[in-house]
C-alpha atoms as a PDB file:
ATOM      1  CA  MET A   1      -6.207  -8.621  12.579  1.00  0.00           C
ATOM      2  CA  PRO A   2      -6.303  -8.529  16.048  1.00  0.00           C
ATOM      3  CA  ASP A   3      -2.965  -8.998  18.350  1.00  0.00           C
ATOM      4  CA  PRO A   4      -0.552 -11.629  17.973  1.00  0.00           C
ATOM      5  CA  ASN A   5      -1.143 -13.528  22.004  1.00  0.00           C
ATOM      6  CA  THR A   6       1.458 -16.438  20.796  1.00  0.00           C
ATOM      7  CA  ALA A   7       5.100 -16.447  19.517  1.00  0.00           C
ATOM      8  CA  GLU A   8       3.642 -18.457  16.859  1.00  0.00           C
ATOM      9  CA  GLU A   9       0.716 -15.787  15.538  1.00  0.00           C
ATOM     10  CA  GLY A  10       3.376 -12.890  16.253  1.00  0.00           C
ATOM     11  CA  VAL A  11       5.451 -14.674  13.441  1.00  0.00           C
ATOM     12  CA  GLN A  12       2.007 -15.252  11.191  1.00  0.00           C
ATOM     13  CA  ALA A  13       1.520 -11.706  11.329  1.00  0.00           C
ATOM     14  CA  LEU A  14       5.219 -10.155  10.769  1.00  0.00           C
ATOM     15  CA  ALA A  15       4.966 -12.728   7.614  1.00  0.00           C
ATOM     16  CA  GLU A  16       1.540 -11.881   6.107  1.00  0.00           C
ATOM     17  CA  ASP A  17       2.587  -7.769   7.206  1.00  0.00           C
ATOM     18  CA  TRP A  18       6.143  -8.322   4.942  1.00  0.00           C
ATOM     19  CA  GLU A  19       3.627  -9.998   1.964  1.00  0.00           C
ATOM     20  CA  HIS A  20       1.348  -6.709   1.977  1.00  0.00           C
ATOM     21  CA  PHE A  21       4.559  -4.809   1.810  1.00  0.00           C
ATOM     22  CA  ILE A  22       6.593  -6.136  -0.561  1.00  0.00           C
ATOM     23  CA  SER A  23       3.272  -6.829  -2.477  1.00  0.00           C
ATOM     24  CA  ARG A  24       2.845  -3.181  -2.207  1.00  0.00           C
ATOM     25  CA  ILE A  25       5.901  -1.943  -3.396  1.00  0.00           C
ATOM     26  CA  ALA A  26       6.192  -3.870  -6.911  1.00  0.00           C
ATOM     27  CA  ALA A  27       2.794  -2.865  -7.332  1.00  0.00           C
ATOM     28  CA  LEU A  28       4.427   0.522  -7.841  1.00  0.00           C
ATOM     29  CA  GLY A  29       6.591  -0.318 -10.369  1.00  0.00           C
ATOM     30  CA  ASP A  30      10.073   0.897 -11.137  1.00  0.00           C
ATOM     31  CA  LYS A  31       8.813   4.848 -12.808  1.00  0.00           C
ATOM     32  CA  ARG A  32       6.232   5.385 -10.045  1.00  0.00           C
ATOM     33  CA  LEU A  33       8.885   4.084  -7.359  1.00  0.00           C
ATOM     34  CA  LEU A  34      10.671   6.939  -8.593  1.00  0.00           C
ATOM     35  CA  ALA A  35       8.433   9.528  -8.709  1.00  0.00           C
ATOM     36  CA  PRO A  36       7.622  12.014  -5.744  1.00  0.00           C
ATOM     37  CA  ILE A  37       4.710  11.348  -3.805  1.00  0.00           C
ATOM     38  CA  GLY A  38       2.461  13.821  -4.031  1.00  0.00           C
ATOM     39  CA  MET A  39       0.186  16.303  -1.682  1.00  0.00           C
ATOM     40  CA  GLY A  40      -0.543  13.645   1.340  1.00  0.00           C
ATOM     41  CA  PRO A  41      -0.187  13.597   4.763  1.00  0.00           C
ATOM     42  CA  GLY A  42       3.255  14.228   6.773  1.00  0.00           C
ATOM     43  CA  GLY A  43       6.369  15.803   4.949  1.00  0.00           C
ATOM     44  CA  TRP A  44       6.935  13.399   2.062  1.00  0.00           C
ATOM     45  CA  ALA A  45       5.132  15.445  -0.429  1.00  0.00           C
ATOM     46  CA  ASP A  46       7.886  16.136  -2.286  1.00  0.00           C
ATOM     47  CA  GLU A  47      10.173  12.780  -1.622  1.00  0.00           C
ATOM     48  CA  THR A  48      10.298   9.323  -3.552  1.00  0.00           C
ATOM     49  CA  TYR A  49       7.961   5.805  -2.578  1.00  0.00           C
ATOM     50  CA  LEU A  50      11.628   4.185  -2.379  1.00  0.00           C
ATOM     51  CA  LYS A  51      13.015   6.855  -0.024  1.00  0.00           C
ATOM     52  CA  LEU A  52       9.523   6.287   1.896  1.00  0.00           C
ATOM     53  CA  ALA A  53       9.741   2.562   1.323  1.00  0.00           C
ATOM     54  CA  LEU A  54      13.627   2.327   3.058  1.00  0.00           C
ATOM     55  CA  HIS A  55      12.566   4.473   5.917  1.00  0.00           C
ATOM     56  CA  ALA A  56       9.873   2.298   6.690  1.00  0.00           C
ATOM     57  CA  LEU A  57      12.207  -1.037   6.472  1.00  0.00           C
ATOM     58  CA  LYS A  58      14.897   1.504   8.419  1.00  0.00           C
ATOM     59  CA  GLU A  59      12.123   2.019  11.475  1.00  0.00           C
ATOM     60  CA  VAL A  60      10.557  -1.865  11.495  1.00  0.00           C
ATOM     61  CA  THR A  61      15.167  -2.884  11.825  1.00  0.00           C
ATOM     62  CA  HIS A  62      15.222  -0.068  14.550  1.00  0.00           C
ATOM     63  CA  HIS A  63      12.024  -1.473  16.619  1.00  0.00           C
ATOM     64  CA  GLY A  64      12.265  -4.620  15.935  1.00  0.00           C
ATOM     65  CA  GLY A  65      15.745  -4.635  17.514  1.00  0.00           C
ATOM     66  CA  GLU A  66      14.516  -2.836  20.450  1.00  0.00           C
ATOM     67  CA  ILE A  67      11.979  -5.451  21.242  1.00  0.00           C
ATOM     68  CA  GLY A  68      14.539  -8.138  21.043  1.00  0.00           C
ATOM     69  CA  LEU A  69      16.708  -6.199  23.497  1.00  0.00           C
ATOM     70  CA  LEU A  70      13.521  -5.763  25.837  1.00  0.00           C
ATOM     71  CA  ARG A  71      12.620 -10.015  25.056  1.00  0.00           C
ATOM     72  CA  ASP A  72      16.342 -11.269  25.904  1.00  0.00           C
ATOM     73  CA  LEU A  73      16.649  -8.940  29.441  1.00  0.00           C
ATOM     74  CA  TYR A  74      13.150 -10.019  30.468  1.00  0.00           C
ATOM     75  CA  LEU A  75      13.914 -13.571  29.440  1.00  0.00           C
ATOM     76  CA  ARG A  76      17.535 -13.097  31.804  1.00  0.00           C
ATOM     77  CA  GLU A  77      15.324 -11.531  34.827  1.00  0.00           C
ATOM     78  CA  GLY A  78      13.150 -14.543  34.037  1.00  0.00           C
ATOM     79  CA  VAL A  79      10.130 -12.929  33.877  1.00  0.00           C
END
């Protein structure tokens, strides 16, 4: 999917990505969600999918806050 060019497209992309994220987490089921990920890229092999999901949500909120701050600063500057 190309990057959104409008606020409406951005909100739609966010909604679609959120649904995809939630459905993938739900598909794991409780047992797999709490089990170690196993081999794969990065340092997550010994961690659980639950921890990875929580990390992803933390990153989204952190960077979403930065985006909101930058948007507000640009609006105040009239950019």
